[in-house]
Amino acid sequence: IINGVSKAYAMTGWRIGYCACPPDLAKAVTKLQGQYTSGASSIA
């Protein structure tokens, strides 16, 4: 599942979305994101 806060909560500029997925895919996504952006904004 791909979802986030941009549309429902009028938060497009806050840049927070998520994937909810099978465990192995979630681990792979975390590994990938860790190499090219790391975590999203703390305040957002």
PDB file of all heavy atoms in Angstrom:
ATOM      1  N   ILE A   1       0.849  -1.198   0.000  1.00  0.00           N
ATOM      2  CA  ILE A   1       0.000   0.000   0.000  1.00  0.00           C
ATOM      3  C   ILE A   1       0.879   1.240   0.000  1.00  0.00           C
ATOM      4  O   ILE A   1       1.864   1.324   0.735  1.00  0.00           O
ATOM      5  CB  ILE A   1      -0.902   0.017   1.246  1.00  0.00           C
ATOM      6  CG1 ILE A   1      -1.902  -1.135   1.203  1.00  0.00           C
ATOM      7  CG2 ILE A   1      -1.649   1.349   1.362  1.00  0.00           C
ATOM      8  CD1 ILE A   1      -2.723  -1.246   2.467  1.00  0.00           C
ATOM      9  N   ILE A   2       0.498   2.202  -0.825  1.00  0.00           N
ATOM     10  CA  ILE A   2       1.155   3.510  -0.839  1.00  0.00           C
ATOM     11  C   ILE A   2       0.141   4.541  -0.376  1.00  0.00           C
ATOM     12  O   ILE A   2      -0.979   4.608  -0.899  1.00  0.00           O
ATOM     13  CB  ILE A   2       1.641   3.874  -2.261  1.00  0.00           C
ATOM     14  CG1 ILE A   2       2.499   2.754  -2.864  1.00  0.00           C
ATOM     15  CG2 ILE A   2       2.388   5.204  -2.231  1.00  0.00           C
ATOM     16  CD1 ILE A   2       3.766   2.450  -2.118  1.00  0.00           C
ATOM     17  N   ASN A   3       0.522   5.354   0.598  1.00  0.00           N
ATOM     18  CA  ASN A   3      -0.401   6.372   1.092  1.00  0.00           C
ATOM     19  C   ASN A   3       0.413   7.474   1.759  1.00  0.00           C
ATOM     20  O   ASN A   3       1.648   7.419   1.781  1.00  0.00           O
ATOM     21  CB  ASN A   3      -1.433   5.760   2.053  1.00  0.00           C
ATOM     22  CG  ASN A   3      -2.769   6.471   2.017  1.00  0.00           C
ATOM     23  OD1 ASN A   3      -2.834   7.687   1.825  1.00  0.00           O
ATOM     24  ND2 ASN A   3      -3.840   5.723   2.209  1.00  0.00           N
ATOM     25  N   GLY A   4      -0.265   8.464   2.307  1.00  0.00           N
ATOM     26  CA  GLY A   4       0.441   9.565   2.953  1.00  0.00           C
ATOM     27  C   GLY A   4      -0.522  10.650   3.369  1.00  0.00           C
ATOM     28  O   GLY A   4      -1.748  10.494   3.271  1.00  0.00           O
ATOM     29  N   VAL A   5       0.023  11.764   3.823  1.00  0.00           N
ATOM     30  CA  VAL A   5      -0.795  12.835   4.398  1.00  0.00           C
ATOM     31  C   VAL A   5      -1.049  13.989   3.432  1.00  0.00           C
ATOM     32  O   VAL A   5      -1.826  14.893   3.757  1.00  0.00           O
ATOM     33  CB  VAL A   5      -0.129  13.389   5.680  1.00  0.00           C
ATOM     34  CG1 VAL A   5      -0.061  12.320   6.759  1.00  0.00           C
ATOM     35  CG2 VAL A   5       1.267  13.946   5.393  1.00  0.00           C
ATOM     36  N   SER A   6      -0.437  13.972   2.267  1.00  0.00           N
ATOM     37  CA  SER A   6      -0.472  15.142   1.388  1.00  0.00           C
ATOM     38  C   SER A   6      -1.875  15.580   1.001  1.00  0.00           C
ATOM     39  O   SER A   6      -2.218  16.767   1.092  1.00  0.00           O
ATOM     40  CB  SER A   6       0.336  14.868   0.122  1.00  0.00           C
ATOM     41  OG  SER A   6       1.709  14.772   0.401  1.00  0.00           O
ATOM     42  N   LYS A   7      -2.690  14.648   0.532  1.00  0.00           N
ATOM     43  CA  LYS A   7      -3.988  15.016  -0.028  1.00  0.00           C
ATOM     44  C   LYS A   7      -5.058  15.149   1.050  1.00  0.00           C
ATOM     45  O   LYS A   7      -5.781  16.144   1.101  1.00  0.00           O
ATOM     46  CB  LYS A   7      -4.427  13.978  -1.065  1.00  0.00           C
ATOM     47  CG  LYS A   7      -3.357  13.602  -2.078  1.00  0.00           C
ATOM     48  CD  LYS A   7      -2.858  14.769  -2.908  1.00  0.00           C
ATOM     49  CE  LYS A   7      -1.856  14.292  -3.956  1.00  0.00           C
ATOM     50  NZ  LYS A   7      -1.314  15.357  -4.797  1.00  0.00           N
ATOM     51  N   ALA A   8      -5.187  14.153   1.918  1.00  0.00           N
ATOM     52  CA  ALA A   8      -6.276  14.148   2.898  1.00  0.00           C
ATOM     53  C   ALA A   8      -6.143  15.269   3.918  1.00  0.00           C
ATOM     54  O   ALA A   8      -7.153  15.802   4.399  1.00  0.00           O
ATOM     55  CB  ALA A   8      -6.339  12.803   3.612  1.00  0.00           C
ATOM     56  N   TYR A   9      -4.912  15.625   4.273  1.00  0.00           N
ATOM     57  CA  TYR A   9      -4.687  16.602   5.339  1.00  0.00           C
ATOM     58  C   TYR A   9      -4.091  17.917   4.816  1.00  0.00           C
ATOM     59  O   TYR A   9      -3.644  18.737   5.613  1.00  0.00           O
ATOM     60  CB  TYR A   9      -3.778  16.010   6.414  1.00  0.00           C
ATOM     61  CG  TYR A   9      -4.350  14.770   7.064  1.00  0.00           C
ATOM     62  CD1 TYR A   9      -4.002  13.504   6.610  1.00  0.00           C
ATOM     63  CD2 TYR A   9      -5.266  14.869   8.113  1.00  0.00           C
ATOM     64  CE1 TYR A   9      -4.537  12.358   7.192  1.00  0.00           C
ATOM     65  CE2 TYR A   9      -5.811  13.736   8.701  1.00  0.00           C
ATOM     66  CZ  TYR A   9      -5.445  12.474   8.230  1.00  0.00           C
ATOM     67  OH  TYR A   9      -5.991  11.346   8.806  1.00  0.00           O
ATOM     68  N   ALA A  10      -4.097  18.099   3.494  1.00  0.00           N
ATOM     69  CA  ALA A  10      -3.552  19.329   2.896  1.00  0.00           C
ATOM     70  C   ALA A  10      -2.126  19.584   3.380  1.00  0.00           C
ATOM     71  O   ALA A  10      -1.789  20.649   3.886  1.00  0.00           O
ATOM     72  CB  ALA A  10      -4.447  20.529   3.207  1.00  0.00           C
ATOM     73  N   MET A  11      -1.276  18.568   3.206  1.00  0.00           N
ATOM     74  CA  MET A  11       0.100  18.631   3.706  1.00  0.00           C
ATOM     75  C   MET A  11       1.104  18.328   2.594  1.00  0.00           C
ATOM     76  O   MET A  11       2.122  17.680   2.839  1.00  0.00           O
ATOM     77  CB  MET A  11       0.287  17.657   4.873  1.00  0.00           C
ATOM     78  CG  MET A  11      -0.514  18.003   6.117  1.00  0.00           C
ATOM     79  SD  MET A  11      -0.343  16.755   7.426  1.00  0.00           S
ATOM     80  CE  MET A  11       1.385  16.953   7.880  1.00  0.00           C
ATOM     81  N   THR A  12       0.847  18.808   1.395  1.00  0.00           N
ATOM     82  CA  THR A  12       1.717  18.460   0.272  1.00  0.00           C
ATOM     83  C   THR A  12       3.176  18.845   0.511  1.00  0.00           C
ATOM     84  O   THR A  12       4.088  18.088   0.191  1.00  0.00           O
ATOM     85  CB  THR A  12       1.212  19.122  -1.023  1.00  0.00           C
ATOM     86  OG1 THR A  12       1.023  20.523  -0.791  1.00  0.00           O
ATOM     87  CG2 THR A  12      -0.102  18.509  -1.472  1.00  0.00           C
ATOM     88  N   GLY A  13       3.394  20.010   1.069  1.00  0.00           N
ATOM     89  CA  GLY A  13       4.762  20.482   1.263  1.00  0.00           C
ATOM     90  C   GLY A  13       5.505  19.837   2.424  1.00  0.00           C
ATOM     91  O   GLY A  13       6.725  19.982   2.545  1.00  0.00           O
ATOM     92  N   TRP A  14       4.799  19.112   3.266  1.00  0.00           N
ATOM     93  CA  TRP A  14       5.440  18.468   4.415  1.00  0.00           C
ATOM     94  C   TRP A  14       6.209  17.223   3.987  1.00  0.00           C
ATOM     95  O   TRP A  14       7.121  16.777   4.695  1.00  0.00           O
ATOM     96  CB  TRP A  14       4.395  18.082   5.463  1.00  0.00           C
ATOM     97  CG  TRP A  14       3.663  19.238   6.055  1.00  0.00           C
ATOM     98  CD1 TRP A  14       2.605  19.918   5.510  1.00  0.00           C
ATOM     99  CD2 TRP A  14       3.923  19.883   7.302  1.00  0.00           C
ATOM    100  NE1 TRP A  14       2.194  20.923   6.350  1.00  0.00           N
ATOM    101  CE2 TRP A  14       2.984  20.919   7.463  1.00  0.00           C
ATOM    102  CE3 TRP A  14       4.857  19.658   8.321  1.00  0.00           C
ATOM    103  CZ2 TRP A  14       2.957  21.749   8.590  1.00  0.00           C
ATOM    104  CZ3 TRP A  14       4.833  20.481   9.447  1.00  0.00           C
ATOM    105  CH2 TRP A  14       3.893  21.511   9.568  1.00  0.00           C
ATOM    106  N   ARG A  15       5.847  16.639   2.860  1.00  0.00           N
ATOM    107  CA  ARG A  15       6.541  15.507   2.240  1.00  0.00           C
ATOM    108  C   ARG A  15       6.620  14.285   3.147  1.00  0.00           C
ATOM    109  O   ARG A  15       7.712  13.806   3.486  1.00  0.00           O
ATOM    110  CB  ARG A  15       7.968  15.896   1.783  1.00  0.00           C
ATOM    111  CG  ARG A  15       8.065  17.133   0.901  1.00  0.00           C
ATOM    112  CD  ARG A  15       7.078  17.150  -0.263  1.00  0.00           C
ATOM    113  NE  ARG A  15       7.200  15.986  -1.134  1.00  0.00           N
ATOM    114  CZ  ARG A  15       6.158  15.263  -1.545  1.00  0.00           C
ATOM    115  NH1 ARG A  15       4.930  15.555  -1.163  1.00  0.00           N
ATOM    116  NH2 ARG A  15       6.347  14.228  -2.331  1.00  0.00           N
ATOM    117  N   ILE A  16       5.461  13.775   3.521  1.00  0.00           N
ATOM    118  CA  ILE A  16       5.411  12.537   4.295  1.00  0.00           C
ATOM    119  C   ILE A  16       4.448  11.562   3.613  1.00  0.00           C
ATOM    120  O   ILE A  16       3.253  11.845   3.452  1.00  0.00           O
ATOM    121  CB  ILE A  16       4.943  12.776   5.746  1.00  0.00           C
ATOM    122  CG1 ILE A  16       5.970  13.622   6.505  1.00  0.00           C
ATOM    123  CG2 ILE A  16       4.718  11.446   6.458  1.00  0.00           C
ATOM    124  CD1 ILE A  16       7.313  12.943   6.738  1.00  0.00           C
ATOM    125  N   GLY A  17       4.994  10.429   3.211  1.00  0.00           N
ATOM    126  CA  GLY A  17       4.201   9.331   2.683  1.00  0.00           C
ATOM    127  C   GLY A  17       4.748   8.040   3.258  1.00  0.00           C
ATOM    128  O   GLY A  17       5.727   8.038   3.999  1.00  0.00           O
ATOM    129  N   TYR A  18       4.113   6.925   2.904  1.00  0.00           N
ATOM    130  CA  TYR A  18       4.603   5.653   3.436  1.00  0.00           C
ATOM    131  C   TYR A  18       4.211   4.505   2.531  1.00  0.00           C
ATOM    132  O   TYR A  18       3.294   4.616   1.707  1.00  0.00           O
ATOM    133  CB  TYR A  18       4.066   5.403   4.847  1.00  0.00           C
ATOM    134  CG  TYR A  18       2.567   5.176   4.935  1.00  0.00           C
ATOM    135  CD1 TYR A  18       2.013   3.904   4.714  1.00  0.00           C
ATOM    136  CD2 TYR A  18       1.698   6.218   5.243  1.00  0.00           C
ATOM    137  CE1 TYR A  18       0.648   3.697   4.795  1.00  0.00           C
ATOM    138  CE2 TYR A  18       0.331   6.009   5.318  1.00  0.00           C
ATOM    139  CZ  TYR A  18      -0.196   4.750   5.098  1.00  0.00           C
ATOM    140  OH  TYR A  18      -1.547   4.549   5.166  1.00  0.00           O
ATOM    141  N   CYS A  19       4.920   3.408   2.683  1.00  0.00           N
ATOM    142  CA  CYS A  19       4.480   2.139   2.120  1.00  0.00           C
ATOM    143  C   CYS A  19       4.243   1.182   3.281  1.00  0.00           C
ATOM    144  O   CYS A  19       4.949   1.223   4.291  1.00  0.00           O
ATOM    145  CB  CYS A  19       5.491   1.560   1.133  1.00  0.00           C
ATOM    146  SG  CYS A  19       7.094   1.146   1.838  1.00  0.00           S
ATOM    147  N   ALA A  20       3.208   0.362   3.146  1.00  0.00           N
ATOM    148  CA  ALA A  20       2.926  -0.721   4.085  1.00  0.00           C
ATOM    149  C   ALA A  20       2.940  -1.990   3.254  1.00  0.00           C
ATOM    150  O   ALA A  20       2.149  -2.137   2.322  1.00  0.00           O
ATOM    151  CB  ALA A  20       1.572  -0.514   4.751  1.00  0.00           C
ATOM    152  N   CYS A  21       3.850  -2.894   3.561  1.00  0.00           N
ATOM    153  CA  CYS A  21       4.110  -3.978   2.616  1.00  0.00           C
ATOM    154  C   CYS A  21       4.614  -5.237   3.333  1.00  0.00           C
ATOM    155  O   CYS A  21       4.849  -5.220   4.558  1.00  0.00           O
ATOM    156  CB  CYS A  21       5.118  -3.515   1.569  1.00  0.00           C
ATOM    157  SG  CYS A  21       6.626  -2.803   2.234  1.00  0.00           S
ATOM    158  N   PRO A  22       4.808  -6.335   2.598  1.00  0.00           N
ATOM    159  CA  PRO A  22       5.336  -7.556   3.210  1.00  0.00           C
ATOM    160  C   PRO A  22       6.684  -7.304   3.892  1.00  0.00           C
ATOM    161  O   PRO A  22       7.442  -6.417   3.471  1.00  0.00           O
ATOM    162  CB  PRO A  22       5.480  -8.498   2.011  1.00  0.00           C
ATOM    163  CG  PRO A  22       4.465  -8.018   1.029  1.00  0.00           C
ATOM    164  CD  PRO A  22       4.445  -6.521   1.182  1.00  0.00           C
ATOM    165  N   PRO A  23       6.993  -8.056   4.937  1.00  0.00           N
ATOM    166  CA  PRO A  23       8.204  -7.789   5.740  1.00  0.00           C
ATOM    167  C   PRO A  23       9.496  -7.712   4.937  1.00  0.00           C
ATOM    168  O   PRO A  23      10.300  -6.795   5.143  1.00  0.00           O
ATOM    169  CB  PRO A  23       8.226  -8.960   6.719  1.00  0.00           C
ATOM    170  CG  PRO A  23       6.798  -9.359   6.866  1.00  0.00           C
ATOM    171  CD  PRO A  23       6.184  -9.155   5.516  1.00  0.00           C
ATOM    172  N   ASP A  24       9.732  -8.644   4.020  1.00  0.00           N
ATOM    173  CA  ASP A  24      10.980  -8.627   3.260  1.00  0.00           C
ATOM    174  C   ASP A  24      11.083  -7.397   2.363  1.00  0.00           C
ATOM    175  O   ASP A  24      12.171  -6.830   2.192  1.00  0.00           O
ATOM    176  CB  ASP A  24      11.108  -9.899   2.411  1.00  0.00           C
ATOM    177  CG  ASP A  24      11.429 -11.126   3.251  1.00  0.00           C
ATOM    178  OD1 ASP A  24      11.788 -10.958   4.436  1.00  0.00           O
ATOM    179  OD2 ASP A  24      11.320 -12.248   2.719  1.00  0.00           O
ATOM    180  N   LEU A  25       9.956  -6.983   1.811  1.00  0.00           N
ATOM    181  CA  LEU A  25       9.964  -5.790   0.967  1.00  0.00           C
ATOM    182  C   LEU A  25      10.204  -4.544   1.816  1.00  0.00           C
ATOM    183  O   LEU A  25      10.939  -3.635   1.406  1.00  0.00           O
ATOM    184  CB  LEU A  25       8.646  -5.675   0.195  1.00  0.00           C
ATOM    185  CG  LEU A  25       8.516  -4.496  -0.764  1.00  0.00           C
ATOM    186  CD1 LEU A  25       9.669  -4.435  -1.745  1.00  0.00           C
ATOM    187  CD2 LEU A  25       7.182  -4.565  -1.520  1.00  0.00           C
ATOM    188  N   ALA A  26       9.618  -4.489   3.000  1.00  0.00           N
ATOM    189  CA  ALA A  26       9.849  -3.350   3.892  1.00  0.00           C
ATOM    190  C   ALA A  26      11.325  -3.234   4.262  1.00  0.00           C
ATOM    191  O   ALA A  26      11.887  -2.130   4.318  1.00  0.00           O
ATOM    192  CB  ALA A  26       8.992  -3.493   5.150  1.00  0.00           C
ATOM    193  N   LYS A  27      11.977  -4.374   4.494  1.00  0.00           N
ATOM    194  CA  LYS A  27      13.416  -4.357   4.795  1.00  0.00           C
ATOM    195  C   LYS A  27      14.214  -3.845   3.596  1.00  0.00           C
ATOM    196  O   LYS A  27      15.170  -3.078   3.756  1.00  0.00           O
ATOM    197  CB  LYS A  27      13.882  -5.758   5.178  1.00  0.00           C
ATOM    198  CG  LYS A  27      13.350  -6.250   6.524  1.00  0.00           C
ATOM    199  CD  LYS A  27      13.774  -7.689   6.794  1.00  0.00           C
ATOM    200  CE  LYS A  27      13.194  -8.203   8.100  1.00  0.00           C
ATOM    201  NZ  LYS A  27      13.524  -9.639   8.326  1.00  0.00           N
ATOM    202  N   ALA A  28      13.826  -4.276   2.405  1.00  0.00           N
ATOM    203  CA  ALA A  28      14.532  -3.835   1.203  1.00  0.00           C
ATOM    204  C   ALA A  28      14.353  -2.342   0.971  1.00  0.00           C
ATOM    205  O   ALA A  28      15.305  -1.631   0.615  1.00  0.00           O
ATOM    206  CB  ALA A  28      14.025  -4.623  -0.012  1.00  0.00           C
ATOM    207  N   VAL A  29      13.133  -1.857   1.182  1.00  0.00           N
ATOM    208  CA  VAL A  29      12.855  -0.424   1.023  1.00  0.00           C
ATOM    209  C   VAL A  29      13.668   0.386   2.026  1.00  0.00           C
ATOM    210  O   VAL A  29      14.241   1.438   1.693  1.00  0.00           O
ATOM    211  CB  VAL A  29      11.345  -0.157   1.179  1.00  0.00           C
ATOM    212  CG1 VAL A  29      11.073   1.333   1.370  1.00  0.00           C
ATOM    213  CG2 VAL A  29      10.581  -0.672  -0.042  1.00  0.00           C
ATOM    214  N   THR A  30      13.739  -0.090   3.262  1.00  0.00           N
ATOM    215  CA  THR A  30      14.525   0.601   4.284  1.00  0.00           C
ATOM    216  C   THR A  30      16.001   0.639   3.899  1.00  0.00           C
ATOM    217  O   THR A  30      16.681   1.670   4.054  1.00  0.00           O
ATOM    218  CB  THR A  30      14.350  -0.089   5.645  1.00  0.00           C
ATOM    219  OG1 THR A  30      12.969  -0.079   6.005  1.00  0.00           O
ATOM    220  CG2 THR A  30      15.157   0.614   6.725  1.00  0.00           C
ATOM    221  N   LYS A  31      16.511  -0.473   3.396  1.00  0.00           N
ATOM    222  CA  LYS A  31      17.907  -0.534   2.952  1.00  0.00           C
ATOM    223  C   LYS A  31      18.176   0.471   1.840  1.00  0.00           C
ATOM    224  O   LYS A  31      19.175   1.206   1.866  1.00  0.00           O
ATOM    225  CB  LYS A  31      18.198  -1.953   2.468  1.00  0.00           C
ATOM    226  CG  LYS A  31      19.610  -2.185   1.949  1.00  0.00           C
ATOM    227  CD  LYS A  31      19.753  -3.641   1.482  1.00  0.00           C
ATOM    228  CE  LYS A  31      21.136  -3.930   0.941  1.00  0.00           C
ATOM    229  NZ  LYS A  31      21.249  -5.339   0.469  1.00  0.00           N
ATOM    230  N   LEU A  32      17.265   0.524   0.858  1.00  0.00           N
ATOM    231  CA  LEU A  32      17.416   1.456  -0.260  1.00  0.00           C
ATOM    232  C   LEU A  32      17.358   2.903   0.213  1.00  0.00           C
ATOM    233  O   LEU A  32      18.238   3.714  -0.104  1.00  0.00           O
ATOM    234  CB  LEU A  32      16.314   1.197  -1.295  1.00  0.00           C
ATOM    235  CG  LEU A  32      16.224   2.182  -2.465  1.00  0.00           C
ATOM    236  CD1 LEU A  32      17.463   2.098  -3.339  1.00  0.00           C
ATOM    237  CD2 LEU A  32      14.962   1.907  -3.290  1.00  0.00           C
ATOM    238  N   GLN A  33      16.334   3.223   0.991  1.00  0.00           N
ATOM    239  CA  GLN A  33      16.167   4.599   1.449  1.00  0.00           C
ATOM    240  C   GLN A  33      17.340   5.036   2.324  1.00  0.00           C
ATOM    241  O   GLN A  33      17.754   6.204   2.298  1.00  0.00           O
ATOM    242  CB  GLN A  33      14.841   4.737   2.201  1.00  0.00           C
ATOM    243  CG  GLN A  33      14.538   6.167   2.638  1.00  0.00           C
ATOM    244  CD  GLN A  33      13.092   6.335   3.055  1.00  0.00           C
ATOM    245  OE1 GLN A  33      12.188   6.225   2.238  1.00  0.00           O
ATOM    246  NE2 GLN A  33      12.866   6.608   4.334  1.00  0.00           N
ATOM    247  N   GLY A  34      17.885   4.094   3.071  1.00  0.00           N
ATOM    248  CA  GLY A  34      19.020   4.412   3.933  1.00  0.00           C
ATOM    249  C   GLY A  34      20.251   4.840   3.169  1.00  0.00           C
ATOM    250  O   GLY A  34      21.121   5.525   3.718  1.00  0.00           O
ATOM    251  N   GLN A  35      20.323   4.473   1.910  1.00  0.00           N
ATOM    252  CA  GLN A  35      21.490   4.820   1.120  1.00  0.00           C
ATOM    253  C   GLN A  35      21.334   6.109   0.317  1.00  0.00           C
ATOM    254  O   GLN A  35      22.324   6.657  -0.143  1.00  0.00           O
ATOM    255  CB  GLN A  35      21.843   3.676   0.152  1.00  0.00           C
ATOM    256  CG  GLN A  35      22.447   2.456   0.838  1.00  0.00           C
ATOM    257  CD  GLN A  35      23.833   2.730   1.391  1.00  0.00           C
ATOM    258  OE1 GLN A  35      24.327   3.843   1.379  1.00  0.00           O
ATOM    259  NE2 GLN A  35      24.477   1.675   1.904  1.00  0.00           N
ATOM    260  N   TYR A  36      20.103   6.573   0.126  1.00  0.00           N
ATOM    261  CA  TYR A  36      20.030   7.774  -0.713  1.00  0.00           C
ATOM    262  C   TYR A  36      19.217   8.945  -0.180  1.00  0.00           C
ATOM    263  O   TYR A  36      19.352  10.056  -0.694  1.00  0.00           O
ATOM    264  CB  TYR A  36      19.624   7.437  -2.157  1.00  0.00           C
ATOM    265  CG  TYR A  36      18.161   7.211  -2.437  1.00  0.00           C
ATOM    266  CD1 TYR A  36      17.436   8.144  -3.186  1.00  0.00           C
ATOM    267  CD2 TYR A  36      17.510   6.074  -2.018  1.00  0.00           C
ATOM    268  CE1 TYR A  36      16.111   7.922  -3.494  1.00  0.00           C
ATOM    269  CE2 TYR A  36      16.187   5.850  -2.324  1.00  0.00           C
ATOM    270  CZ  TYR A  36      15.484   6.777  -3.060  1.00  0.00           C
ATOM    271  OH  TYR A  36      14.161   6.556  -3.370  1.00  0.00           O
ATOM    272  N   THR A  37      18.416   8.774   0.861  1.00  0.00           N
ATOM    273  CA  THR A  37      17.837   9.956   1.516  1.00  0.00           C
ATOM    274  C   THR A  37      17.852   9.850   3.029  1.00  0.00           C
ATOM    275  O   THR A  37      17.709  10.866   3.709  1.00  0.00           O
ATOM    276  CB  THR A  37      16.372  10.211   1.089  1.00  0.00           C
ATOM    277  OG1 THR A  37      15.562   9.116   1.500  1.00  0.00           O
ATOM    278  CG2 THR A  37      16.252  10.434  -0.407  1.00  0.00           C
ATOM    279  N   SER A  38      17.960   8.656   3.573  1.00  0.00           N
ATOM    280  CA  SER A  38      17.777   8.432   5.014  1.00  0.00           C
ATOM    281  C   SER A  38      16.347   8.777   5.416  1.00  0.00           C
ATOM    282  O   SER A  38      15.455   8.806   4.577  1.00  0.00           O
ATOM    283  CB  SER A  38      18.806   9.227   5.828  1.00  0.00           C
ATOM    284  OG  SER A  38      20.116   8.815   5.493  1.00  0.00           O
ATOM    285  N   GLY A  39      16.142   9.065   6.710  1.00  0.00           N
ATOM    286  CA  GLY A  39      14.796   9.290   7.200  1.00  0.00           C
ATOM    287  C   GLY A  39      14.219  10.620   6.768  1.00  0.00           C
ATOM    288  O   GLY A  39      14.941  11.570   6.442  1.00  0.00           O
ATOM    289  N   ALA A  40      12.895  10.696   6.786  1.00  0.00           N
ATOM    290  CA  ALA A  40      12.197  11.933   6.423  1.00  0.00           C
ATOM    291  C   ALA A  40      12.323  12.964   7.548  1.00  0.00           C
ATOM    292  O   ALA A  40      12.764  12.656   8.665  1.00  0.00           O
ATOM    293  CB  ALA A  40      10.731  11.624   6.139  1.00  0.00           C
ATOM    294  N   SER A  41      11.910  14.177   7.258  1.00  0.00           N
ATOM    295  CA  SER A  41      12.001  15.299   8.199  1.00  0.00           C
ATOM    296  C   SER A  41      11.392  14.961   9.560  1.00  0.00           C
ATOM    297  O   SER A  41      10.272  14.470   9.658  1.00  0.00           O
ATOM    298  CB  SER A  41      11.275  16.512   7.617  1.00  0.00           C
ATOM    299  OG  SER A  41      10.939  17.446   8.618  1.00  0.00           O
ATOM    300  N   SER A  42      12.157  15.250  10.600  1.00  0.00           N
ATOM    301  CA  SER A  42      11.697  14.970  11.969  1.00  0.00           C
ATOM    302  C   SER A  42      10.434  15.760  12.303  1.00  0.00           C
ATOM    303  O   SER A  42       9.476  15.221  12.874  1.00  0.00           O
ATOM    304  CB  SER A  42      12.813  15.307  12.963  1.00  0.00           C
ATOM    305  OG  SER A  42      13.238  16.656  12.803  1.00  0.00           O
ATOM    306  N   ILE A  43      10.424  17.035  11.964  1.00  0.00           N
ATOM    307  CA  ILE A  43       9.282  17.894  12.293  1.00  0.00           C
ATOM    308  C   ILE A  43       8.046  17.458  11.513  1.00  0.00           C
ATOM    309  O   ILE A  43       6.943  17.378  12.056  1.00  0.00           O
ATOM    310  CB  ILE A  43       9.609  19.371  11.996  1.00  0.00           C
ATOM    311  CG1 ILE A  43      10.903  19.788  12.706  1.00  0.00           C
ATOM    312  CG2 ILE A  43       8.450  20.268  12.399  1.00  0.00           C
ATOM    313  CD1 ILE A  43      10.908  19.551  14.194  1.00  0.00           C
ATOM    314  N   ALA A  44       8.221  17.163  10.238  1.00  0.00           N
ATOM    315  CA  ALA A  44       7.098  16.733   9.411  1.00  0.00           C
ATOM    316  C   ALA A  44       6.527  15.407   9.907  1.00  0.00           C
ATOM    317  O   ALA A  44       5.308  15.185   9.855  1.00  0.00           O
ATOM    318  CB  ALA A  44       7.540  16.621   7.951  1.00  0.00           C
TER     319      ALA A  44
END
